[in-house]
N, C-alpha and C. Protein backbone atom coordinates (compact mmCIF):
# COMPACT_ATOMS: atom_id res chain seq x y z
N MET A 1 -3.40 -134.43 -31.53
CA MET A 1 -4.05 -133.99 -33.27
C MET A 1 -3.64 -132.29 -33.42
N ALA A 2 -2.26 -132.20 -34.15
CA ALA A 2 -1.74 -131.59 -35.40
C ALA A 2 -2.57 -129.82 -35.82
N GLU A 3 -1.57 -129.51 -34.32
CA GLU A 3 -2.11 -128.28 -35.45
C GLU A 3 -2.93 -127.46 -36.96
N PRO A 4 -3.41 -127.74 -37.39
CA PRO A 4 -3.72 -126.69 -38.44
C PRO A 4 -2.54 -126.04 -38.93
N LEU A 5 -2.66 -126.12 -40.54
CA LEU A 5 -1.59 -125.30 -41.20
C LEU A 5 -1.72 -123.52 -41.94
N ARG A 6 -0.53 -122.97 -41.58
CA ARG A 6 -0.44 -122.55 -41.44
C ARG A 6 -0.79 -121.11 -43.15
N ILE A 7 -1.38 -121.14 -43.74
CA ILE A 7 -1.49 -120.00 -45.08
C ILE A 7 -1.44 -118.59 -45.41
N ALA A 8 -0.09 -118.30 -45.57
CA ALA A 8 -0.05 -116.26 -45.70
C ALA A 8 -0.43 -116.07 -46.82
N VAL A 9 -1.58 -115.13 -46.89
CA VAL A 9 -2.21 -115.08 -48.42
C VAL A 9 -1.04 -113.35 -48.46
N ILE A 10 0.06 -113.61 -49.19
CA ILE A 10 -0.15 -112.02 -49.64
C ILE A 10 -0.86 -111.53 -51.21
N ASP A 11 -0.99 -110.68 -50.52
CA ASP A 11 -1.87 -109.36 -51.61
C ASP A 11 -2.79 -108.71 -51.81
N SER A 12 -4.46 -107.69 -51.89
CA SER A 12 -5.09 -106.72 -51.71
C SER A 12 -6.35 -107.39 -50.08
N GLY A 13 -5.94 -108.69 -49.27
CA GLY A 13 -6.27 -108.61 -47.99
C GLY A 13 -7.76 -109.20 -48.44
N ALA A 14 -8.45 -110.02 -47.74
CA ALA A 14 -9.91 -110.45 -47.43
C ALA A 14 -10.69 -110.53 -47.01
N HIS A 15 -12.05 -110.06 -47.76
CA HIS A 15 -13.53 -109.75 -47.24
C HIS A 15 -14.30 -111.01 -46.26
N PRO A 16 -13.60 -110.47 -45.28
CA PRO A 16 -14.85 -111.85 -44.48
C PRO A 16 -16.25 -112.23 -44.94
N GLY A 17 -16.24 -110.83 -44.55
CA GLY A 17 -18.27 -110.73 -45.54
C GLY A 17 -18.60 -111.70 -47.06
N HIS A 18 -17.24 -111.61 -47.83
CA HIS A 18 -17.90 -112.82 -48.40
C HIS A 18 -18.42 -113.88 -48.59
N PRO A 19 -19.13 -114.36 -49.51
CA PRO A 19 -19.66 -116.31 -49.30
C PRO A 19 -19.07 -117.28 -49.80
N HIS A 20 -17.94 -116.72 -50.65
CA HIS A 20 -17.12 -117.78 -51.38
C HIS A 20 -15.36 -118.32 -50.07
N ILE A 21 -16.20 -116.73 -48.48
CA ILE A 21 -14.79 -117.16 -47.96
C ILE A 21 -14.65 -117.51 -46.22
N VAL A 22 -14.40 -118.40 -45.70
CA VAL A 22 -14.46 -118.77 -44.43
C VAL A 22 -14.22 -118.51 -43.42
N ALA A 23 -14.89 -117.24 -42.60
CA ALA A 23 -13.80 -115.89 -41.65
C ALA A 23 -13.43 -116.28 -40.39
N SER A 24 -14.40 -117.65 -40.04
CA SER A 24 -13.98 -118.35 -39.31
C SER A 24 -12.49 -119.44 -38.78
N ARG A 25 -11.76 -119.20 -40.13
CA ARG A 25 -10.18 -119.29 -40.56
C ARG A 25 -9.53 -118.38 -40.63
N LEU A 26 -9.21 -116.89 -40.53
CA LEU A 26 -9.21 -116.02 -40.58
C LEU A 26 -8.33 -116.07 -40.19
N LEU A 27 -7.13 -115.02 -39.97
CA LEU A 27 -6.29 -114.36 -38.21
C LEU A 27 -6.23 -113.63 -38.30
N PRO A 28 -5.75 -112.86 -37.43
CA PRO A 28 -4.83 -111.67 -37.99
C PRO A 28 -4.65 -110.83 -38.07
N GLY A 29 -4.61 -110.55 -39.60
CA GLY A 29 -2.90 -110.39 -40.21
C GLY A 29 -2.70 -109.19 -40.12
N VAL A 30 -1.90 -108.15 -41.21
CA VAL A 30 -1.13 -107.00 -41.60
C VAL A 30 -2.04 -106.30 -42.83
N ALA A 31 -1.05 -104.69 -42.84
CA ALA A 31 -1.19 -104.75 -43.84
C ALA A 31 0.39 -104.28 -43.99
N ILE A 32 0.79 -104.52 -45.47
CA ILE A 32 1.87 -103.16 -45.26
C ILE A 32 3.07 -102.03 -45.97
N LEU A 33 3.10 -101.10 -46.21
CA LEU A 33 3.16 -100.67 -47.09
C LEU A 33 4.41 -100.61 -47.57
N ALA A 34 5.23 -99.14 -48.84
CA ALA A 34 5.20 -100.06 -49.68
C ALA A 34 7.35 -100.18 -49.26
N ASP A 35 7.26 -98.83 -47.45
CA ASP A 35 8.91 -98.40 -47.69
C ASP A 35 9.33 -100.18 -46.19
N GLY A 36 7.68 -100.84 -46.51
CA GLY A 36 7.63 -102.12 -45.33
C GLY A 36 7.31 -102.11 -43.80
N THR A 37 7.10 -100.83 -44.19
CA THR A 37 6.61 -100.62 -42.86
C THR A 37 5.29 -101.44 -41.88
N ILE A 38 4.48 -101.90 -40.99
CA ILE A 38 3.87 -103.16 -40.71
C ILE A 38 2.73 -102.09 -40.20
N GLU A 39 2.08 -102.45 -40.69
CA GLU A 39 0.38 -101.76 -40.23
C GLU A 39 -0.48 -102.84 -39.63
N GLN A 40 -1.51 -102.44 -38.42
CA GLN A 40 -2.08 -103.80 -37.66
C GLN A 40 -2.50 -102.91 -36.73
N GLY A 41 -3.94 -104.40 -36.47
CA GLY A 41 -5.75 -103.23 -35.91
C GLY A 41 -6.29 -103.89 -36.98
N ASP A 42 -8.00 -103.05 -36.12
CA ASP A 42 -9.05 -104.10 -36.91
C ASP A 42 -8.67 -103.01 -37.92
N GLY A 43 -9.13 -104.07 -39.27
CA GLY A 43 -9.33 -103.34 -41.15
C GLY A 43 -8.77 -103.12 -41.36
N VAL A 44 -7.25 -103.03 -41.10
CA VAL A 44 -6.18 -103.65 -42.04
C VAL A 44 -5.44 -104.05 -43.21
N THR A 45 -6.61 -105.20 -42.42
CA THR A 45 -6.56 -106.47 -43.84
C THR A 45 -7.78 -106.56 -45.35
N LEU A 46 -9.01 -105.35 -44.33
CA LEU A 46 -9.71 -105.31 -45.14
C LEU A 46 -10.05 -105.57 -46.69
N ASP A 47 -10.40 -106.23 -47.65
CA ASP A 47 -9.99 -105.92 -48.65
C ASP A 47 -10.74 -104.64 -50.08
N ARG A 48 -10.23 -104.33 -50.49
CA ARG A 48 -11.15 -103.48 -51.21
C ARG A 48 -10.65 -103.10 -52.55
N VAL A 49 -10.20 -104.00 -53.18
CA VAL A 49 -9.88 -104.74 -53.97
C VAL A 49 -10.38 -106.16 -54.89
N GLY A 50 -10.56 -107.15 -54.61
CA GLY A 50 -11.68 -108.40 -54.89
C GLY A 50 -10.12 -109.04 -55.06
N HIS A 51 -9.05 -108.72 -55.41
CA HIS A 51 -7.72 -109.84 -56.10
C HIS A 51 -7.55 -111.06 -54.76
N GLY A 52 -7.68 -110.16 -53.93
CA GLY A 52 -7.00 -110.62 -52.79
C GLY A 52 -7.79 -112.62 -51.57
N THR A 53 -9.36 -111.87 -52.15
CA THR A 53 -10.35 -112.82 -51.11
C THR A 53 -9.94 -113.73 -52.25
N ALA A 54 -10.18 -113.14 -53.61
CA ALA A 54 -11.24 -114.58 -54.18
C ALA A 54 -9.74 -115.00 -54.66
N VAL A 55 -8.16 -114.69 -54.72
CA VAL A 55 -8.02 -115.81 -54.16
C VAL A 55 -7.88 -116.95 -53.25
N THR A 56 -8.04 -116.21 -51.88
CA THR A 56 -7.91 -116.58 -50.15
C THR A 56 -9.63 -117.52 -50.82
N ALA A 57 -10.29 -117.38 -51.42
CA ALA A 57 -11.37 -117.99 -51.45
C ALA A 57 -10.92 -119.35 -52.59
N ALA A 58 -10.16 -119.66 -53.74
CA ALA A 58 -9.59 -120.78 -54.69
C ALA A 58 -9.09 -121.01 -52.89
N ILE A 59 -7.96 -120.73 -52.77
CA ILE A 59 -7.03 -120.90 -51.45
C ILE A 59 -8.27 -122.50 -50.56
N GLN A 60 -9.08 -121.95 -50.39
CA GLN A 60 -10.14 -122.57 -49.23
C GLN A 60 -10.98 -123.33 -50.14
N GLU A 61 -11.21 -123.81 -50.57
CA GLU A 61 -12.22 -124.52 -51.22
C GLU A 61 -10.92 -126.10 -51.08
N LEU A 62 -10.07 -125.37 -51.20
CA LEU A 62 -8.57 -126.83 -51.65
C LEU A 62 -7.89 -127.21 -49.97
N ALA A 63 -8.08 -126.02 -49.65
CA ALA A 63 -7.51 -126.49 -47.94
C ALA A 63 -8.39 -125.98 -47.29
N PRO A 64 -9.11 -126.63 -47.04
CA PRO A 64 -10.83 -125.88 -45.83
C PRO A 64 -10.61 -125.49 -44.75
N HIS A 65 -9.22 -127.16 -43.96
CA HIS A 65 -8.53 -126.61 -42.36
C HIS A 65 -7.55 -126.15 -42.77
N ALA A 66 -6.80 -125.18 -43.34
CA ALA A 66 -6.36 -124.39 -43.20
C ALA A 66 -6.58 -122.74 -42.20
N LEU A 67 -5.70 -122.27 -41.36
CA LEU A 67 -5.07 -121.34 -41.36
C LEU A 67 -5.70 -120.26 -42.10
N ILE A 68 -5.55 -119.06 -42.55
CA ILE A 68 -5.56 -118.26 -43.28
C ILE A 68 -4.42 -116.45 -42.72
N LEU A 69 -3.68 -116.19 -42.99
CA LEU A 69 -3.35 -115.24 -43.33
C LEU A 69 -3.34 -113.83 -43.29
N PRO A 70 -3.91 -113.06 -43.63
CA PRO A 70 -3.60 -112.18 -44.55
C PRO A 70 -2.53 -111.06 -44.72
N ILE A 71 -2.09 -110.73 -45.13
CA ILE A 71 -0.76 -110.34 -45.93
C ILE A 71 -1.88 -108.92 -46.17
N ARG A 72 -1.64 -107.57 -46.63
CA ARG A 72 -2.07 -106.16 -47.46
C ARG A 72 -1.09 -105.81 -47.34
N VAL A 73 -0.32 -106.15 -49.34
CA VAL A 73 0.16 -105.79 -49.62
C VAL A 73 -0.55 -104.12 -51.34
N PHE A 74 -0.84 -104.39 -51.57
CA PHE A 74 -1.88 -103.77 -52.23
C PHE A 74 -3.55 -103.18 -52.10
N ARG A 75 -3.56 -102.22 -52.66
CA ARG A 75 -3.71 -101.65 -51.41
C ARG A 75 -5.69 -99.90 -52.39
N ASP A 76 -4.56 -99.62 -53.65
CA ASP A 76 -6.28 -99.70 -54.38
C ASP A 76 -5.70 -99.79 -55.69
N GLY A 77 -4.67 -101.07 -56.63
CA GLY A 77 -4.17 -101.69 -57.80
C GLY A 77 -3.54 -102.42 -56.74
N LEU A 78 -3.82 -103.15 -58.25
CA LEU A 78 -2.16 -104.76 -58.06
C LEU A 78 -1.41 -104.19 -57.63
N ARG A 79 -0.58 -102.47 -56.94
CA ARG A 79 0.81 -102.57 -57.42
C ARG A 79 1.13 -102.79 -55.34
N ALA A 80 2.79 -103.36 -55.62
CA ALA A 80 3.59 -102.95 -54.98
C ALA A 80 4.57 -103.91 -54.56
N SER A 81 5.46 -102.63 -53.45
CA SER A 81 6.96 -102.09 -53.95
C SER A 81 8.11 -103.93 -53.73
N PRO A 82 8.52 -104.50 -54.45
CA PRO A 82 9.86 -105.37 -53.42
C PRO A 82 9.87 -105.94 -51.94
N ARG A 83 10.11 -104.11 -51.74
CA ARG A 83 10.79 -104.43 -49.88
C ARG A 83 9.57 -104.38 -49.46
N ALA A 84 7.81 -104.15 -50.28
CA ALA A 84 7.11 -104.71 -49.16
C ALA A 84 6.49 -105.58 -49.40
N LEU A 85 6.59 -106.26 -50.50
CA LEU A 85 6.49 -107.73 -50.86
C LEU A 85 7.30 -109.40 -49.63
N ILE A 86 8.30 -108.71 -50.08
CA ILE A 86 10.33 -108.69 -49.27
C ILE A 86 9.96 -108.76 -47.05
N ALA A 87 8.66 -107.97 -46.92
CA ALA A 87 8.66 -108.26 -45.21
C ALA A 87 7.41 -108.46 -45.29
N ALA A 88 7.46 -108.49 -46.34
CA ALA A 88 5.48 -110.05 -45.55
C ALA A 88 6.16 -110.45 -45.56
N LEU A 89 6.75 -110.93 -46.29
CA LEU A 89 7.78 -113.34 -46.76
C LEU A 89 8.84 -112.76 -44.92
N ASP A 90 8.77 -112.38 -44.27
CA ASP A 90 9.37 -112.48 -42.95
C ASP A 90 8.78 -112.64 -41.93
N TRP A 91 7.44 -111.42 -42.08
CA TRP A 91 6.61 -111.90 -41.38
C TRP A 91 5.51 -112.86 -41.75
N ALA A 92 5.37 -112.67 -42.54
CA ALA A 92 5.11 -114.54 -42.50
C ALA A 92 5.50 -115.65 -41.67
N GLY A 93 6.65 -115.22 -42.23
CA GLY A 93 7.37 -116.43 -41.95
C GLY A 93 8.54 -117.00 -40.42
N ALA A 94 8.30 -115.15 -38.98
CA ALA A 94 8.11 -115.08 -37.80
C ALA A 94 6.64 -115.54 -36.90
N GLN A 95 5.70 -115.48 -38.19
CA GLN A 95 3.52 -116.15 -37.61
C GLN A 95 3.61 -117.79 -37.49
N GLY A 96 4.65 -118.82 -38.11
CA GLY A 96 4.73 -120.13 -38.50
C GLY A 96 3.73 -120.06 -39.33
N ALA A 97 3.84 -119.44 -40.98
CA ALA A 97 3.05 -120.11 -42.30
C ALA A 97 3.77 -120.96 -42.55
N ASP A 98 3.53 -121.77 -42.79
CA ASP A 98 3.76 -123.29 -43.44
C ASP A 98 4.30 -122.58 -44.71
N PHE A 99 3.49 -122.36 -45.65
CA PHE A 99 3.15 -121.18 -46.73
C PHE A 99 3.32 -120.17 -47.04
N CYS A 100 3.27 -119.58 -48.12
CA CYS A 100 3.36 -117.92 -48.14
C CYS A 100 2.61 -117.96 -49.97
N ASN A 101 1.44 -118.43 -50.96
CA ASN A 101 1.27 -117.57 -51.08
C ASN A 101 1.35 -115.98 -51.56
N LEU A 102 2.04 -116.33 -53.05
CA LEU A 102 2.11 -115.06 -53.68
C LEU A 102 2.14 -114.73 -55.12
N SER A 103 0.86 -114.88 -55.51
CA SER A 103 -0.44 -114.66 -56.89
C SER A 103 0.48 -113.25 -57.43
N LEU A 104 1.31 -112.47 -57.41
CA LEU A 104 2.95 -112.16 -58.33
C LEU A 104 3.71 -111.42 -57.94
N GLY A 105 4.41 -110.50 -58.20
CA GLY A 105 5.70 -110.79 -58.07
C GLY A 105 6.28 -109.83 -59.34
N THR A 106 7.67 -109.95 -59.32
CA THR A 106 7.35 -108.89 -60.42
C THR A 106 9.17 -109.33 -61.04
N THR A 107 8.79 -108.92 -62.08
CA THR A 107 10.36 -109.29 -63.84
C THR A 107 11.48 -108.49 -63.97
N ASN A 108 11.88 -107.64 -62.75
CA ASN A 108 12.73 -106.68 -62.58
C ASN A 108 13.37 -108.04 -62.26
N PRO A 109 15.08 -108.10 -62.78
CA PRO A 109 15.32 -108.98 -62.51
C PRO A 109 16.31 -108.82 -61.23
N ALA A 110 16.64 -107.05 -61.30
CA ALA A 110 17.53 -106.30 -60.07
C ALA A 110 16.77 -106.97 -59.01
N HIS A 111 15.85 -107.48 -58.37
CA HIS A 111 15.31 -107.43 -58.09
C HIS A 111 15.41 -109.23 -57.09
N ALA A 112 15.83 -109.88 -57.82
CA ALA A 112 16.88 -111.09 -57.47
C ALA A 112 16.88 -112.62 -56.44
N ASP A 113 18.57 -110.83 -56.20
CA ASP A 113 18.64 -111.19 -55.06
C ASP A 113 18.49 -110.94 -54.13
N HIS A 114 18.00 -109.87 -53.44
CA HIS A 114 16.42 -109.41 -51.82
C HIS A 114 15.58 -111.20 -51.98
N PHE A 115 15.53 -110.59 -53.35
CA PHE A 115 14.39 -112.29 -53.38
C PHE A 115 15.27 -113.68 -53.01
N ALA A 116 15.82 -113.71 -53.34
CA ALA A 116 16.59 -115.32 -52.65
C ALA A 116 17.05 -114.99 -51.66
N ALA A 117 17.75 -113.90 -50.94
CA ALA A 117 18.09 -114.33 -49.64
C ALA A 117 16.49 -114.15 -48.23
N ALA A 118 15.19 -113.84 -49.33
CA ALA A 118 14.07 -113.77 -48.81
C ALA A 118 13.40 -115.33 -48.56
N VAL A 119 13.82 -115.66 -50.22
CA VAL A 119 13.64 -117.04 -50.07
C VAL A 119 14.50 -118.36 -48.91
N ALA A 120 15.75 -118.05 -48.89
CA ALA A 120 16.63 -119.01 -48.51
C ALA A 120 16.17 -118.56 -46.30
N ARG A 121 15.35 -117.05 -46.06
CA ARG A 121 15.18 -116.70 -44.60
C ARG A 121 14.47 -117.88 -44.13
N SER A 122 12.78 -118.50 -45.49
CA SER A 122 11.99 -118.47 -44.75
C SER A 122 11.43 -119.86 -44.13
N PRO A 123 10.68 -120.27 -43.53
CA PRO A 123 10.28 -121.59 -43.04
C PRO A 123 10.00 -121.83 -44.10
N ALA A 124 8.85 -120.85 -44.79
CA ALA A 124 7.32 -120.97 -44.98
C ALA A 124 7.67 -121.97 -46.49
N ARG A 125 6.91 -122.72 -46.96
CA ARG A 125 7.01 -122.88 -48.42
C ARG A 125 6.30 -122.46 -49.70
N ILE A 126 7.31 -121.50 -50.31
CA ILE A 126 6.49 -120.91 -50.32
C ILE A 126 6.10 -120.63 -52.39
N VAL A 127 4.61 -119.97 -52.91
CA VAL A 127 4.11 -120.61 -54.14
C VAL A 127 3.92 -120.03 -54.91
N ALA A 128 4.46 -119.10 -56.23
CA ALA A 128 5.02 -117.91 -56.77
C ALA A 128 5.04 -118.50 -58.65
N PRO A 129 4.75 -117.50 -59.39
CA PRO A 129 3.76 -117.24 -60.54
C PRO A 129 5.29 -118.10 -61.41
N ARG A 130 5.51 -118.42 -62.26
CA ARG A 130 7.15 -118.42 -62.34
C ARG A 130 7.32 -117.64 -63.72
N THR A 131 6.53 -117.07 -64.09
CA THR A 131 6.40 -115.87 -65.56
C THR A 131 5.25 -115.09 -65.26
N ALA A 132 5.41 -114.01 -66.12
CA ALA A 132 4.01 -112.64 -65.95
C ALA A 132 3.12 -113.62 -66.65
N ALA A 133 2.37 -112.02 -67.41
CA ALA A 133 1.06 -112.35 -67.86
C ALA A 133 2.53 -113.08 -69.56
N ASP A 134 2.54 -111.79 -70.24
CA ASP A 134 3.20 -111.99 -70.51
C ASP A 134 4.57 -112.69 -71.15
N ASP A 135 4.18 -113.89 -70.62
CA ASP A 135 5.81 -114.89 -70.05
C ASP A 135 7.27 -114.75 -69.93
N ALA A 136 7.22 -113.00 -69.84
CA ALA A 136 8.52 -112.70 -68.34
C ALA A 136 8.17 -112.74 -67.75
N PRO A 137 10.01 -113.62 -67.10
CA PRO A 137 10.23 -114.75 -66.19
C PRO A 137 9.63 -113.04 -65.01
N CYS A 138 9.21 -114.28 -63.60
CA CYS A 138 9.25 -113.38 -62.90
C CYS A 138 9.65 -113.72 -61.25
N TRP A 139 9.75 -113.04 -60.18
CA TRP A 139 10.49 -113.35 -58.87
C TRP A 139 9.88 -112.55 -58.07
N PRO A 140 9.44 -113.66 -57.11
CA PRO A 140 10.48 -115.35 -56.47
C PRO A 140 9.89 -115.75 -57.50
N GLY A 141 9.15 -116.45 -58.55
CA GLY A 141 8.11 -117.71 -58.52
C GLY A 141 9.73 -118.51 -59.53
N MET A 142 11.07 -117.49 -60.04
CA MET A 142 11.99 -118.05 -60.92
C MET A 142 13.38 -118.99 -60.14
N LEU A 143 12.90 -118.66 -58.77
CA LEU A 143 14.29 -118.44 -57.76
C LEU A 143 13.87 -120.36 -57.53
N ALA A 144 15.11 -120.88 -57.55
CA ALA A 144 15.25 -122.08 -56.92
C ALA A 144 15.17 -122.44 -55.18
N GLY A 145 14.00 -122.98 -54.90
CA GLY A 145 13.10 -123.47 -53.35
C GLY A 145 11.77 -122.85 -53.43
N VAL A 146 11.32 -122.50 -55.21
CA VAL A 146 10.33 -121.13 -54.75
C VAL A 146 9.15 -122.20 -55.61
N ILE A 147 7.84 -122.94 -54.65
CA ILE A 147 6.86 -124.36 -55.71
C ILE A 147 6.73 -122.84 -57.53
N ALA A 148 7.27 -123.19 -58.15
CA ALA A 148 7.01 -122.04 -59.23
C ALA A 148 5.27 -122.15 -59.61
N VAL A 149 4.24 -121.92 -60.69
CA VAL A 149 3.44 -122.35 -60.71
C VAL A 149 3.69 -121.20 -62.28
N GLY A 150 2.62 -122.74 -63.44
CA GLY A 150 2.00 -121.62 -64.50
C GLY A 150 0.85 -122.36 -64.89
N LEU A 151 0.92 -121.38 -65.91
CA LEU A 151 -0.71 -121.68 -66.76
C LEU A 151 -1.58 -122.51 -67.78
N ASP A 152 -2.11 -122.98 -67.21
CA ASP A 152 -2.79 -124.36 -68.23
C ASP A 152 -4.09 -123.94 -68.48
N TRP A 153 -5.09 -123.40 -69.09
CA TRP A 153 -7.05 -123.55 -69.18
C TRP A 153 -6.63 -124.59 -69.44
N ASP A 154 -6.41 -126.03 -69.21
CA ASP A 154 -6.91 -126.79 -70.10
C ASP A 154 -7.07 -127.93 -68.92
N VAL A 155 -6.79 -127.55 -67.89
CA VAL A 155 -5.69 -128.32 -66.52
C VAL A 155 -7.85 -128.44 -65.99
N PRO A 156 -8.37 -129.12 -65.11
CA PRO A 156 -9.42 -128.53 -64.12
C PRO A 156 -9.55 -128.66 -63.45
N ARG A 157 -10.41 -127.60 -62.58
CA ARG A 157 -10.28 -126.36 -61.62
C ARG A 157 -9.84 -127.76 -60.00
N GLY A 158 -9.01 -126.67 -59.83
CA GLY A 158 -9.14 -128.17 -57.78
C GLY A 158 -7.31 -129.22 -59.07
N ALA A 159 -7.27 -129.30 -59.74
CA ALA A 159 -6.04 -129.70 -60.25
C ALA A 159 -4.45 -129.02 -60.17
N ALA A 160 -3.41 -129.80 -60.57
CA ALA A 160 -2.59 -129.20 -61.08
C ALA A 160 -1.71 -130.28 -62.31
N LEU A 161 -1.21 -129.81 -62.20
CA LEU A 161 0.52 -131.19 -63.72
C LEU A 161 1.55 -130.80 -63.18
N LEU A 162 2.42 -131.54 -62.67
CA LEU A 162 3.77 -130.95 -62.90
C LEU A 162 4.84 -131.38 -64.18
N GLY A 163 4.62 -130.21 -64.61
CA GLY A 163 5.76 -130.13 -66.04
C GLY A 163 7.23 -130.72 -65.54
N ALA A 164 7.20 -131.22 -66.82
CA ALA A 164 9.20 -131.95 -66.94
C ALA A 164 9.95 -130.38 -67.07
N ASP A 165 9.90 -129.42 -66.80
CA ASP A 165 10.32 -127.76 -66.15
C ASP A 165 10.29 -127.62 -65.11
N GLY A 166 9.11 -128.99 -64.33
CA GLY A 166 9.64 -128.54 -62.87
C GLY A 166 8.38 -127.88 -62.53
N VAL A 167 7.85 -127.24 -62.73
CA VAL A 167 6.56 -126.23 -62.60
C VAL A 167 5.70 -126.87 -62.61
N HIS A 168 4.64 -126.65 -61.70
CA HIS A 168 3.27 -127.13 -61.52
C HIS A 168 2.41 -125.95 -62.13
N TYR A 169 1.92 -127.01 -63.59
CA TYR A 169 0.41 -126.28 -64.51
C TYR A 169 -1.59 -125.71 -63.88
N ALA A 170 -1.79 -125.21 -63.37
CA ALA A 170 -3.00 -125.01 -62.97
C ALA A 170 -3.99 -123.54 -63.67
N SER A 171 -5.04 -124.66 -63.76
CA SER A 171 -6.38 -123.30 -64.15
C SER A 171 -6.25 -121.58 -63.73
N GLY A 172 -6.90 -121.80 -64.69
CA GLY A 172 -6.73 -119.46 -63.69
C GLY A 172 -8.08 -119.10 -63.31
N TYR A 173 -9.13 -120.11 -63.40
CA TYR A 173 -9.98 -119.74 -63.01
C TYR A 173 -10.86 -119.70 -62.01
N PRO A 174 -10.98 -118.67 -60.72
CA PRO A 174 -10.97 -118.35 -59.08
C PRO A 174 -12.29 -119.74 -59.12
N ARG A 175 -13.20 -119.71 -57.99
CA ARG A 175 -14.42 -120.37 -57.45
C ARG A 175 -15.17 -119.52 -58.73
N PRO A 176 -16.05 -120.16 -58.62
CA PRO A 176 -16.71 -120.29 -59.59
C PRO A 176 -18.36 -118.40 -59.31
N ILE A 177 -18.92 -117.67 -59.28
CA ILE A 177 -19.82 -116.88 -59.04
C ILE A 177 -20.77 -116.72 -59.74
N GLU A 178 -21.90 -117.37 -59.41
CA GLU A 178 -23.01 -117.55 -59.65
C GLU A 178 -24.56 -116.75 -60.50
N GLY A 179 -23.97 -116.60 -61.97
CA GLY A 179 -24.40 -115.55 -63.21
C GLY A 179 -23.77 -114.96 -63.48
N VAL A 180 -21.97 -115.30 -62.79
CA VAL A 180 -21.02 -114.65 -63.87
C VAL A 180 -20.32 -115.25 -64.87
N PRO A 181 -20.09 -115.42 -66.04
CA PRO A 181 -19.50 -116.20 -67.05
C PRO A 181 -18.24 -115.91 -66.39
N GLN A 182 -17.84 -117.62 -66.81
CA GLN A 182 -16.24 -117.44 -66.50
C GLN A 182 -15.01 -116.24 -66.71
N GLN A 183 -15.07 -116.23 -68.21
CA GLN A 183 -14.32 -115.23 -68.67
C GLN A 183 -14.86 -113.30 -68.11
N ARG A 184 -15.97 -114.07 -67.83
CA ARG A 184 -15.69 -112.09 -66.54
C ARG A 184 -15.60 -112.00 -65.34
N ASN A 185 -15.54 -112.94 -64.82
CA ASN A 185 -15.18 -113.42 -63.14
C ASN A 185 -13.26 -112.64 -63.58
N LEU A 186 -12.91 -112.67 -62.33
CA LEU A 186 -11.19 -112.23 -61.92
C LEU A 186 -10.41 -113.98 -63.20
N HIS A 187 -9.78 -114.02 -63.51
CA HIS A 187 -9.34 -114.61 -63.83
C HIS A 187 -7.75 -114.94 -64.15
N GLY A 188 -6.54 -115.92 -64.27
CA GLY A 188 -5.27 -115.83 -64.60
C GLY A 188 -4.28 -116.21 -63.94
N ILE A 189 -3.28 -116.66 -64.00
CA ILE A 189 -2.55 -117.15 -63.53
C ILE A 189 -2.70 -117.21 -61.20
N SER A 190 -2.64 -115.47 -60.96
CA SER A 190 -3.12 -115.57 -59.69
C SER A 190 -3.75 -116.56 -59.73
N PHE A 191 -4.78 -116.85 -59.91
CA PHE A 191 -5.58 -117.99 -59.30
C PHE A 191 -5.35 -119.71 -59.60
N ALA A 192 -3.82 -119.79 -60.90
CA ALA A 192 -3.75 -120.91 -61.16
C ALA A 192 -3.31 -121.01 -59.88
N THR A 193 -1.45 -120.24 -59.40
CA THR A 193 -1.15 -119.54 -57.62
C THR A 193 -1.47 -120.05 -56.42
N ALA A 194 -3.17 -119.49 -56.50
CA ALA A 194 -3.89 -120.36 -55.40
C ALA A 194 -4.13 -121.80 -55.24
N GLN A 195 -4.68 -122.39 -56.38
CA GLN A 195 -5.14 -123.77 -56.72
C GLN A 195 -3.77 -124.10 -55.83
N VAL A 196 -2.63 -124.52 -56.13
CA VAL A 196 -1.23 -125.36 -56.34
C VAL A 196 -1.17 -125.24 -54.49
N THR A 197 -1.46 -123.62 -54.34
CA THR A 197 -1.10 -123.23 -52.97
C THR A 197 -1.79 -124.34 -51.81
N GLY A 198 -3.58 -124.00 -52.43
CA GLY A 198 -4.69 -125.02 -51.89
C GLY A 198 -3.66 -126.91 -51.90
N LEU A 199 -3.36 -126.99 -53.10
CA LEU A 199 -3.37 -128.39 -53.61
C LEU A 199 -1.74 -128.86 -52.58
N ALA A 200 -0.68 -127.60 -52.59
CA ALA A 200 0.53 -128.66 -51.76
C ALA A 200 -0.80 -128.06 -49.97
N ALA A 201 -0.62 -127.79 -49.61
CA ALA A 201 -1.73 -127.26 -48.45
C ALA A 201 -2.62 -128.99 -47.50
N ALA A 202 -3.20 -129.10 -48.90
CA ALA A 202 -3.62 -130.03 -48.74
C ALA A 202 -2.93 -132.38 -48.88
N GLY A 203 -1.96 -131.77 -48.73
CA GLY A 203 -1.66 -132.59 -49.57
C GLY A 203 -1.14 -133.08 -50.59
N GLN A 204 -1.72 -132.38 -50.91
CA GLN A 204 -2.30 -133.12 -52.99
C GLN A 204 -1.74 -132.86 -53.86
N LEU A 205 -0.33 -131.90 -53.26
CA LEU A 205 0.89 -131.69 -54.03
C LEU A 205 2.00 -131.95 -54.05
N GLN A 206 3.17 -132.64 -54.63
CA GLN A 206 4.59 -133.12 -54.57
C GLN A 206 5.21 -132.00 -54.26
N VAL A 207 5.51 -131.35 -53.68
CA VAL A 207 6.81 -130.07 -53.05
C VAL A 207 7.92 -130.41 -52.48
N SER A 208 9.09 -129.35 -52.46
CA SER A 208 9.42 -129.76 -52.40
C SER A 208 11.14 -128.74 -52.16
N ARG A 209 11.49 -127.77 -51.23
CA ARG A 209 12.51 -127.00 -51.08
C ARG A 209 13.51 -127.16 -51.62
N GLU A 210 13.93 -128.48 -52.19
CA GLU A 210 15.18 -128.17 -53.01
C GLU A 210 15.45 -127.84 -54.09
N PRO A 211 16.76 -127.45 -54.75
CA PRO A 211 16.64 -126.87 -56.09
C PRO A 211 16.37 -127.87 -57.31
């Protein structure tokens, strides 16, 4: 029997007690500081923001047999340094991740070359937004070899459409929370990215590392 796929979720960690999280499929992960320092140990990937938990839940919904490797780069808010993200990609690759979900990125082109080098040396398939919320180009999602994601509210949850531009478009809604309207729940390109990762891991998405 083949080993289950490993999906690194580079985000704010995951909360194993959340009802949408299958805790038995969470692997021990790490936290990475802004300077690239790696922290290991009990509790370092516990999500105190909620974003990573919602992203992980969206992936697990579509790829329930995958193992999740949480890598916490967000601490008190949704900000992380490029150095931390690159260290996260490198660490995930060293742990045998098959996919890396980055529901994040930078719009600063000064970091593009560093991300390109990290993508080139990663054995994992990297899934990331092509653009930010204001349609600004976003790295590493702009790079060749990355599974680029776009937002399309008309695509049903749990599906993705491949555009003529080579971008996979998906809905920005996460798994629904009972009693909470979709518009009041977390939503956006982060969850389109998570759905594309889940579909790719489940073998329901055409993916390639070629430009």
